[in-house]
């Protein structure tokens, strides 16, 4: 999706919207009051708010890389090496976060800014008179809100347990907008169960109102693909399988013919179900910043390098994914994040094949296609030899090869169990602390154990 070019057209109103988010919308005692009614009383103004929500959700602290980094470093079990100088990221890699970690607070603050802007759209959508346009506007806002809440609950809450009531603390559900900072209240944390229920409510409603195609913005299939990911995290395998299958069968997407073509693109490709795009005019690709060498837009010195142990997961020396690296600063860097102004992929078609294959294998079904055919489809694209038989472990290894360094490490670890650096997947150390600034401002919040 090429939202940046659209944002430039609305720079005046966007500046107002960014002022709305200058203070964390969860603070109990705001420092100022901002009147922004003019931004939500016209159709064009409200569309600008929606664009701002897209921009904030795809910003560096959120789905432009900050959330990816938290997952990859917390889930790192000696496959990557963090050699950077930022202690905040080093805390992730060491599994020793502190309540004043600014990367943690950046994720929290900018996530709730995106949620607040989505809430503004939903509360004022009646200014859009055309029903089809209004439905699309609401659907996009719910997609953004659902996507961001999904990331928050995975990072700040304990793992969702299938078949359980999941009463463990999640994150506050804030579903009404704040236009005037004097109206800000101090919400308490909802349970993990409640947050997941709201995510799926938002995504279901978005799916029911969005069109099958929506130019560069979220459409019906982007929503359904995200639902497949949510269901997989919940271990709701039948629902995950069916959602993934619908996107594969009906979404008009196809794998690009080479693994390398799935990355470093300035425009969406045939494999991109949804992607956050960075342009030279604005935005910040946090994955490029920390995973690329200085020659390709990263910081001086390579912050995150790939360790030799990573290559032990490959079973074919011809697999293009095992060679998708380059030498940098006497280390090896992932080529996935080599281009500074490229898309940050959010959902690729390859992930949907992996979800369908895993769910079918667990259920003993072949809905859409067999797990073997789905995995071989991905392997063939990467120039790896086809398998003649398959197990669940084979599928999970294929998932690791295909989706490495794209923000899945921690969440797959928690979903599948096991341990990292000797730490159990459901240990307190793998849950982010509620930022201290939030705890100080809002007495209704409770801190996560261990902080």
Protein backbone atom coordinates (compact mmCIF):
# COMPACT_ATOMS: atom_id res chain seq x y z
CA UNK A 1 0.00 0.00 0.00
CA UNK A 2 1.42 3.36 -0.99
CA UNK A 3 -0.02 5.51 1.78
CA UNK A 4 2.84 8.01 2.00
CA UNK A 5 2.07 9.72 -1.28
CA UNK A 6 -1.51 10.14 -0.13
CA UNK A 7 -0.42 11.51 3.22
CA UNK A 8 1.49 14.34 1.58
CA UNK A 9 -1.74 15.61 0.01
CA UNK A 10 -3.25 16.05 3.46
CA UNK A 11 -0.22 17.47 5.25
CA UNK A 12 -2.14 20.37 6.82
CA UNK A 13 -4.77 18.25 8.51
CA UNK A 14 -2.24 15.54 9.27
CA UNK A 15 -0.22 18.05 11.26
CA UNK A 16 -3.28 18.64 13.43
CA UNK A 17 -3.78 14.91 13.88
CA UNK A 18 -0.19 14.42 14.92
CA UNK A 19 -0.75 17.05 17.60
CA UNK A 20 -3.57 14.93 18.97
CA UNK A 21 -1.07 12.18 19.65
CA UNK A 22 1.62 14.31 21.28
CA UNK A 23 0.52 13.02 24.68
CA UNK A 24 -0.15 9.41 25.46
CA UNK A 25 -3.91 9.01 25.33
CA UNK A 26 -3.84 6.84 28.47
CA UNK A 27 -2.34 9.49 30.75
CA UNK A 28 -4.54 10.32 33.70
CA UNK A 29 -3.50 13.98 34.01
CA UNK A 30 -3.05 15.58 30.58
CA UNK A 31 -0.91 18.67 30.20
CA UNK A 32 -2.95 20.45 27.56
CA UNK A 33 -6.25 20.54 25.68
CA UNK A 34 -6.39 20.49 21.89
CA UNK A 35 -9.48 21.39 19.90
CA UNK A 36 -9.61 19.36 16.68
CA UNK A 37 -13.29 19.39 15.74
CA UNK A 38 -12.52 20.90 12.34
CA UNK A 39 -10.57 17.77 11.41
CA UNK A 40 -13.57 15.46 11.79
CA UNK A 41 -16.53 17.47 10.52
CA UNK A 42 -15.83 16.94 6.81
CA UNK A 43 -15.48 13.81 4.72
CA UNK A 44 -12.03 14.78 3.48
CA UNK A 45 -10.94 15.64 7.00
CA UNK A 46 -12.00 12.25 8.31
CA UNK A 47 -10.24 10.46 5.47
CA UNK A 48 -7.11 12.34 6.48
CA UNK A 49 -7.52 11.00 10.01
CA UNK A 50 -7.69 7.48 8.59
CA UNK A 51 -4.51 8.04 6.59
CA UNK A 52 -2.86 9.29 9.77
CA UNK A 53 -3.94 6.07 11.52
CA UNK A 54 -2.33 4.02 8.77
CA UNK A 55 0.82 6.09 9.07
CA UNK A 56 1.01 5.73 12.83
CA UNK A 57 0.35 1.97 12.76
CA UNK A 58 3.12 1.56 10.19
CA UNK A 59 5.55 3.85 12.01
CA UNK A 60 8.98 2.82 13.24
CA UNK A 61 7.87 2.04 16.78
CA UNK A 62 4.96 -0.14 15.69
CA UNK A 63 4.63 -2.20 12.49
CA UNK A 64 7.39 -0.34 10.68
CA UNK A 65 9.91 -2.39 12.64
CA UNK A 66 9.78 -1.70 16.38
CA UNK A 67 7.44 -4.60 17.10
CA UNK A 68 9.42 -6.87 14.75
CA UNK A 69 12.64 -6.09 16.62
CA UNK A 70 11.08 -6.82 20.00
CA UNK A 71 9.86 -10.21 18.78
CA UNK A 72 13.07 -11.23 17.01
CA UNK A 73 15.38 -10.22 19.87
CA UNK A 74 13.22 -11.64 22.66
CA UNK A 75 12.75 -14.86 20.67
CA UNK A 76 16.42 -15.09 19.71
CA UNK A 77 18.05 -18.36 20.71
CA UNK A 78 21.57 -17.74 19.41
CA UNK A 79 20.51 -17.45 15.76
CA UNK A 80 21.25 -13.74 15.61
CA UNK A 81 23.75 -11.54 17.42
CA UNK A 82 22.97 -8.05 18.68
CA UNK A 83 26.13 -5.98 18.59
CA UNK A 84 24.58 -2.53 18.65
CA UNK A 85 25.05 0.19 21.23
CA UNK A 86 21.41 0.77 22.19
CA UNK A 87 20.83 -0.66 25.67
CA UNK A 88 17.07 -0.70 25.10
CA UNK A 89 17.42 -3.27 22.31
CA UNK A 90 20.14 -5.12 24.19
CA UNK A 91 17.64 -5.57 27.03
CA UNK A 92 15.35 -7.42 24.60
CA UNK A 93 18.16 -9.71 23.48
CA UNK A 94 19.22 -10.38 27.09
CA UNK A 95 15.60 -10.93 28.20
CA UNK A 96 16.15 -8.28 30.90
CA UNK A 97 13.77 -5.43 30.07
CA UNK A 98 13.30 -2.54 32.47
CA UNK A 99 10.19 -0.46 33.08
CA UNK A 100 11.93 2.63 31.66
CA UNK A 101 12.92 1.00 28.37
CA UNK A 102 12.14 3.66 25.75
CA UNK A 103 11.61 1.12 22.97
CA UNK A 104 8.92 -0.53 25.09
CA UNK A 105 7.25 2.80 25.80
CA UNK A 106 7.54 3.75 22.12
CA UNK A 107 5.63 0.61 21.12
CA UNK A 108 2.93 1.33 23.72
CA UNK A 109 2.53 5.04 23.00
CA UNK A 110 2.47 4.92 19.21
CA UNK A 111 0.20 1.86 19.22
CA UNK A 112 -2.39 3.72 21.28
CA UNK A 113 -1.99 6.78 19.07
CA UNK A 114 -2.91 4.63 16.06
CA UNK A 115 -5.82 3.12 18.00
CA UNK A 116 -7.05 6.59 19.01
CA UNK A 117 -7.00 7.79 15.42
CA UNK A 118 -8.92 4.69 14.32
CA UNK A 119 -11.42 5.42 17.10
CA UNK A 120 -11.83 8.99 15.85
CA UNK A 121 -12.71 7.67 12.40
CA UNK A 122 -15.26 5.21 13.79
CA UNK A 123 -16.92 7.79 16.04
CA UNK A 124 -17.35 10.33 13.24
CA UNK A 125 -17.95 8.16 10.17
CA UNK A 126 -21.47 9.57 9.71
CA UNK A 127 -19.93 12.62 7.99
CA UNK A 128 -19.32 10.32 5.02
CA UNK A 129 -22.69 10.24 3.26
CA UNK A 130 -21.99 7.58 0.65
CA UNK A 131 -22.73 4.23 2.33
CA UNK A 132 -20.12 2.26 0.39
CA UNK A 133 -17.37 4.76 1.20
CA UNK A 134 -18.47 4.92 4.84
CA UNK A 135 -18.40 1.13 5.14
CA UNK A 136 -14.91 1.02 3.68
CA UNK A 137 -13.69 3.78 5.99
CA UNK A 138 -15.04 1.96 9.05
CA UNK A 139 -13.64 -1.36 7.89
CA UNK A 140 -10.16 0.07 7.42
CA UNK A 141 -10.22 1.68 10.86
CA UNK A 142 -11.27 -1.62 12.45
CA UNK A 143 -8.52 -3.44 10.55
CA UNK A 144 -5.94 -1.02 11.93
CA UNK A 145 -7.32 -1.21 15.46
CA UNK A 146 -7.51 -5.01 15.38
CA UNK A 147 -4.00 -5.36 13.96
CA UNK A 148 -2.46 -3.09 16.58
CA UNK A 149 -4.29 -4.68 19.50
CA UNK A 150 -3.14 -8.09 18.31
CA UNK A 151 0.49 -6.98 18.53
CA UNK A 152 -0.01 -5.34 21.92
CA UNK A 153 -1.67 -8.33 23.58
CA UNK A 154 1.03 -10.70 22.32
CA UNK A 155 3.81 -8.52 23.73
CA UNK A 156 2.29 -7.25 26.99
CA UNK A 157 0.11 -10.25 27.92
CA UNK A 158 0.83 -13.89 28.66
CA UNK A 159 0.28 -16.48 25.93
CA UNK A 160 -3.27 -17.26 24.82
CA UNK A 161 -4.14 -20.82 25.87
CA UNK A 162 -6.59 -22.67 23.64
CA UNK A 163 -9.58 -24.04 25.53
CA UNK A 164 -8.88 -21.91 28.61
CA UNK A 165 -10.68 -18.80 29.91
CA UNK A 166 -7.47 -16.72 29.61
CA UNK A 167 -8.07 -14.38 32.55
CA UNK A 168 -4.44 -13.18 32.54
CA UNK A 169 -4.04 -9.38 32.13
CA UNK A 170 -3.81 -8.17 28.57
CA UNK A 171 -3.88 -4.48 27.66
CA UNK A 172 -6.54 -1.77 28.12
CA UNK A 173 -9.27 -1.79 25.49
CA UNK A 174 -9.91 1.84 24.55
CA UNK A 175 -12.71 1.94 21.99
CA UNK A 176 -13.78 5.58 22.17
CA UNK A 177 -11.76 8.50 20.78
CA UNK A 178 -10.06 11.33 22.57
CA UNK A 179 -10.34 14.67 20.79
CA UNK A 180 -9.94 16.78 23.90
CA UNK A 181 -7.17 15.78 26.27
CA UNK A 182 -9.28 16.87 29.27
CA UNK A 183 -11.52 13.87 28.53
CA UNK A 184 -8.75 11.31 29.02
CA UNK A 185 -9.50 8.67 31.64
CA UNK A 186 -7.34 6.00 33.20
CA UNK A 187 -8.45 2.60 31.88
CA UNK A 188 -7.53 -0.67 33.53
CA UNK A 189 -6.20 -3.75 31.73
CA UNK A 190 -8.64 -6.10 30.05
CA UNK A 191 -8.02 -9.83 30.10
CA UNK A 192 -6.24 -11.59 27.26
CA UNK A 193 -9.55 -13.29 26.43
CA UNK A 194 -11.35 -9.95 26.19
CA UNK A 195 -8.67 -8.42 23.98
CA UNK A 196 -8.70 -11.36 21.57
CA UNK A 197 -12.50 -11.21 21.45
CA UNK A 198 -12.36 -7.52 20.51
CA UNK A 199 -9.70 -8.16 17.87
CA UNK A 200 -11.86 -10.77 16.19
CA UNK A 201 -14.96 -8.58 16.48
CA UNK A 202 -13.13 -5.74 14.75
CA UNK A 203 -11.74 -8.00 12.03
CA UNK A 204 -15.04 -9.78 11.42
CA UNK A 205 -16.87 -6.47 11.06
CA UNK A 206 -14.09 -5.14 8.82
CA UNK A 207 -14.32 -8.23 6.62
CA UNK A 208 -18.07 -7.81 6.28
CA UNK A 209 -17.80 -4.18 5.13
CA UNK A 210 -14.60 -3.95 3.08
CA UNK A 211 -14.49 -4.55 -0.67
CA UNK A 212 -12.46 -7.33 -2.29
CA UNK A 213 -10.10 -4.74 -3.72
CA UNK A 214 -9.29 -1.38 -2.17
CA UNK A 215 -6.34 0.08 -4.07
CA UNK A 216 -3.42 0.57 -1.68
CA UNK A 217 -5.46 0.23 1.50
CA UNK A 218 -6.78 -2.72 3.52
CA UNK A 219 -9.32 -4.90 1.74
CA UNK A 220 -11.40 -7.95 2.58
CA UNK A 221 -8.54 -10.38 1.97
CA UNK A 222 -6.01 -8.46 4.06
CA UNK A 223 -8.48 -8.75 6.94
CA UNK A 224 -9.10 -12.46 6.37
CA UNK A 225 -5.35 -13.12 6.19
CA UNK A 226 -4.85 -11.37 9.51
CA UNK A 227 -7.70 -13.42 10.97
CA UNK A 228 -5.86 -16.58 9.89
CA UNK A 229 -2.81 -15.36 11.82
CA UNK A 230 -4.89 -14.57 14.91
CA UNK A 231 -6.61 -17.97 14.82
CA UNK A 232 -3.25 -19.71 14.49
CA UNK A 233 -1.96 -17.87 17.56
CA UNK A 234 -5.06 -19.06 19.42
CA UNK A 235 -4.45 -22.63 18.22
CA UNK A 236 -7.89 -22.52 16.58
CA UNK A 237 -6.61 -24.59 13.68
CA UNK A 238 -9.81 -25.22 11.78
CA UNK A 239 -10.62 -21.51 11.67
CA UNK A 240 -7.02 -20.68 10.76
CA UNK A 241 -7.08 -23.23 7.95
CA UNK A 242 -10.36 -21.99 6.50
CA UNK A 243 -9.35 -18.32 6.66
CA UNK A 244 -6.01 -19.01 4.99
CA UNK A 245 -7.67 -21.15 2.35
CA UNK A 246 -10.16 -18.43 1.48
CA UNK A 247 -7.37 -15.94 0.82
CA UNK A 248 -5.36 -18.45 -1.21
CA UNK A 249 -8.35 -19.56 -3.28
CA UNK A 250 -10.09 -16.25 -3.86
CA UNK A 251 -7.65 -13.42 -3.17
CA UNK A 252 -5.96 -13.22 -6.59
CA UNK A 253 -2.47 -13.30 -5.07
CA UNK A 254 0.43 -15.43 -6.28
CA UNK A 255 3.95 -16.20 -5.13
CA UNK A 256 6.57 -14.18 -6.96
CA UNK A 257 8.86 -16.41 -9.02
CA UNK A 258 11.96 -15.80 -6.90
CA UNK A 259 12.32 -15.50 -3.13
CA UNK A 260 14.41 -12.36 -3.52
CA UNK A 261 11.58 -10.58 -5.34
CA UNK A 262 9.38 -10.77 -2.23
CA UNK A 263 11.51 -8.16 -0.45
CA UNK A 264 12.98 -4.68 -0.91
CA UNK A 265 10.10 -3.52 -3.08
CA UNK A 266 8.91 0.07 -3.38
CA UNK A 267 5.46 -1.08 -4.52
CA UNK A 268 3.26 -4.01 -3.59
CA UNK A 269 3.94 -7.19 -5.50
CA UNK A 270 1.69 -10.13 -6.34
CA UNK A 271 2.64 -11.84 -3.06
CA UNK A 272 1.91 -8.86 -0.80
CA UNK A 273 -1.48 -9.23 0.84
CA UNK A 274 -0.66 -6.13 2.86
CA UNK A 275 2.54 -4.13 3.41
CA UNK A 276 3.54 -0.90 5.12
CA UNK A 277 5.45 1.26 2.69
CA UNK A 278 8.26 3.70 3.37
CA UNK A 279 9.22 6.43 0.91
CA UNK A 280 11.95 9.01 0.71
CA UNK A 281 9.39 11.67 1.63
CA UNK A 282 8.66 10.22 5.04
CA UNK A 283 8.54 7.24 7.32
CA UNK A 284 11.24 5.17 8.92
CA UNK A 285 12.08 1.55 8.25
CA UNK A 286 13.34 0.33 11.61
CA UNK A 287 14.22 -3.08 10.19
CA UNK A 288 16.57 -1.52 7.67
CA UNK A 289 18.01 0.74 10.34
CA UNK A 290 19.14 -2.10 12.60
CA UNK A 291 19.45 -5.07 10.22
CA UNK A 292 21.30 -3.46 7.32
CA UNK A 293 24.83 -2.20 7.00
CA UNK A 294 25.58 1.51 6.76
CA UNK A 295 26.10 1.15 2.99
CA UNK A 296 22.42 0.22 2.66
CA UNK A 297 20.88 2.73 5.08
CA UNK A 298 21.58 1.07 8.42
CA UNK A 299 23.51 2.51 11.32
CA UNK A 300 27.29 2.67 11.37
CA UNK A 301 28.28 -0.86 12.26
CA UNK A 302 25.90 -3.78 11.85
CA UNK A 303 23.57 -3.91 14.85
CA UNK A 304 21.97 -7.31 14.16
CA UNK A 305 24.07 -10.01 12.48
CA UNK A 306 23.20 -13.59 11.57
CA UNK A 307 25.09 -16.30 13.48
CA UNK A 308 26.50 -19.46 11.93
CA UNK A 309 24.01 -21.58 13.89
CA UNK A 310 21.21 -20.20 11.75
CA UNK A 311 22.29 -22.24 8.72
CA UNK A 312 21.77 -25.52 10.58
CA UNK A 313 18.02 -25.28 9.88
CA UNK A 314 18.52 -25.77 6.13
CA UNK A 315 18.40 -29.18 4.46
CA UNK A 316 19.34 -28.18 0.91
CA UNK A 317 22.41 -26.18 -0.10
CA UNK A 318 20.53 -24.88 -3.16
CA UNK A 319 17.82 -23.25 -1.01
CA UNK A 320 17.82 -19.58 -1.99
CA UNK A 321 16.71 -18.61 1.53
CA UNK A 322 19.96 -19.97 2.96
CA UNK A 323 21.95 -17.64 0.74
CA UNK A 324 19.84 -14.51 1.16
CA UNK A 325 22.60 -12.66 3.02
CA UNK A 326 25.52 -10.35 2.35
CA UNK A 327 28.83 -9.59 4.07
CA UNK A 328 28.83 -6.46 6.20
CA UNK A 329 31.21 -5.20 8.89
CA UNK A 330 32.90 -8.63 9.02
CA UNK A 331 29.47 -10.12 9.75
CA UNK A 332 26.54 -11.39 7.71
CA UNK A 333 23.37 -9.37 7.26
CA UNK A 334 19.94 -10.47 6.05
CA UNK A 335 19.16 -9.23 2.56
CA UNK A 336 15.47 -8.99 3.50
CA UNK A 337 16.02 -5.50 4.88
CA UNK A 338 18.63 -4.16 2.48
CA UNK A 339 16.61 -1.33 0.90
CA UNK A 340 16.06 1.76 3.05
CA UNK A 341 12.89 3.00 1.35
CA UNK A 342 11.19 -0.32 0.65
CA UNK A 343 7.96 -1.81 1.92
CA UNK A 344 7.87 -3.45 5.31
CA UNK A 345 5.86 -6.59 4.46
CA UNK A 346 3.03 -7.30 6.87
CA UNK A 347 1.34 -10.38 5.40
CA UNK A 348 2.77 -12.38 2.48
CA UNK A 349 1.00 -15.14 0.61
CA UNK A 350 3.73 -17.60 1.63
CA UNK A 351 2.61 -17.25 5.26
CA UNK A 352 -0.92 -18.28 4.29
CA UNK A 353 0.36 -21.47 2.64
CA UNK A 354 2.31 -22.23 5.81
CA UNK A 355 -0.75 -21.63 8.00
CA UNK A 356 -2.93 -23.83 5.81
CA UNK A 357 -0.31 -26.59 5.72
CA UNK A 358 0.20 -26.57 9.50
CA UNK A 359 -3.51 -26.49 10.28
CA UNK A 360 -4.31 -29.25 7.79
CA UNK A 361 -1.50 -31.41 9.18
CA UNK A 362 -2.69 -30.96 12.75
CA UNK A 363 -6.29 -31.70 11.79
CA UNK A 364 -5.52 -34.57 9.44
CA UNK A 365 -7.29 -32.79 6.57
CA UNK A 366 -6.42 -31.58 3.08
CA UNK A 367 -8.69 -28.53 2.77
CA UNK A 368 -7.58 -26.57 -0.30
CA UNK A 369 -4.56 -28.81 -0.85
CA UNK A 370 -2.36 -31.26 1.01
CA UNK A 371 0.29 -30.03 3.47
CA UNK A 372 2.94 -31.69 1.30
CA UNK A 373 1.87 -29.77 -1.80
CA UNK A 374 1.69 -26.46 0.07
CA UNK A 375 5.19 -26.88 1.51
CA UNK A 376 6.64 -28.04 -1.80
CA UNK A 377 5.10 -25.01 -3.48
CA UNK A 378 7.13 -22.77 -1.15
CA UNK A 379 10.28 -24.90 -1.41
CA UNK A 380 10.17 -24.95 -5.20
CA UNK A 381 9.98 -21.17 -5.31
CA UNK A 382 13.13 -21.07 -3.12
CA UNK A 383 14.91 -23.62 -5.36
CA UNK A 384 14.90 -26.25 -2.60
CA UNK A 385 14.27 -29.89 -3.44
CA UNK A 386 10.71 -31.11 -3.08
CA UNK A 387 9.89 -33.42 -0.19
CA UNK A 388 8.24 -36.80 -0.73
CA UNK A 389 6.62 -36.97 2.72
CA UNK A 390 6.04 -34.46 5.48
CA UNK A 391 5.61 -34.16 9.24
CA UNK A 392 4.52 -31.31 11.51
CA UNK A 393 8.16 -30.71 12.42
CA UNK A 394 8.98 -30.34 8.72
CA UNK A 395 6.28 -27.70 8.36
CA UNK A 396 7.47 -25.75 11.38
CA UNK A 397 11.05 -25.80 10.08
CA UNK A 398 9.80 -24.57 6.73
CA UNK A 399 8.02 -21.74 8.52
CA UNK A 400 11.26 -20.77 10.24
CA UNK A 401 13.20 -20.80 6.97
CA UNK A 402 10.60 -18.79 5.09
CA UNK A 403 9.62 -16.18 7.71
CA UNK A 404 12.95 -15.66 9.49
CA UNK A 405 13.64 -12.12 10.72
CA UNK A 406 10.11 -10.89 9.89
CA UNK A 407 8.85 -10.54 13.46
CA UNK A 408 7.55 -14.06 14.21
CA UNK A 409 10.27 -15.46 16.51
CA UNK A 410 8.76 -14.67 19.92
CA UNK A 411 5.16 -15.36 18.97
CA UNK A 412 5.94 -18.74 17.39
CA UNK A 413 8.00 -19.64 20.44
CA UNK A 414 5.10 -18.85 22.76
CA UNK A 415 2.55 -20.61 20.58
CA UNK A 416 4.65 -23.74 20.19
CA UNK A 417 6.17 -23.88 23.67
CA UNK A 418 9.77 -24.81 24.34
CA UNK A 419 12.36 -22.38 25.62
CA UNK A 420 14.83 -19.71 24.55
CA UNK A 421 18.21 -19.31 26.27
CA UNK A 422 16.91 -21.73 28.88
CA UNK A 423 13.86 -19.53 29.57
CA UNK A 424 10.44 -21.18 29.30
CA UNK A 425 8.21 -19.78 26.56
CA UNK A 426 5.63 -18.56 29.08
CA UNK A 427 8.15 -17.05 31.49
CA UNK A 428 7.59 -13.54 32.86
CA UNK A 429 10.85 -12.44 31.23
CA UNK A 430 9.31 -12.83 27.77
CA UNK A 431 6.45 -10.41 28.49
CA UNK A 432 7.09 -6.68 28.13
CA UNK A 433 6.68 -4.46 31.20
CA UNK A 434 3.98 -1.83 31.29
CA UNK A 435 6.02 1.39 30.81
CA UNK A 436 6.69 3.18 34.08
CA UNK A 437 5.37 6.47 32.68
CA UNK A 438 2.01 4.73 32.22
CA UNK A 439 2.07 3.27 35.69
CA UNK A 440 2.81 6.71 37.15
CA UNK A 441 0.05 8.40 35.17
CA UNK A 442 -2.65 5.77 35.58
CA UNK A 443 -3.25 4.17 39.01
CA UNK A 444 -5.70 1.72 37.42
CA UNK A 445 -2.94 -0.15 35.61
CA UNK A 446 -1.28 -3.22 37.10
CA UNK A 447 2.31 -4.15 36.31
CA UNK A 448 3.35 -7.48 34.83
CA UNK A 449 4.99 -9.95 37.24
CA UNK A 450 8.75 -9.61 37.59
CA UNK A 451 8.91 -5.84 37.10
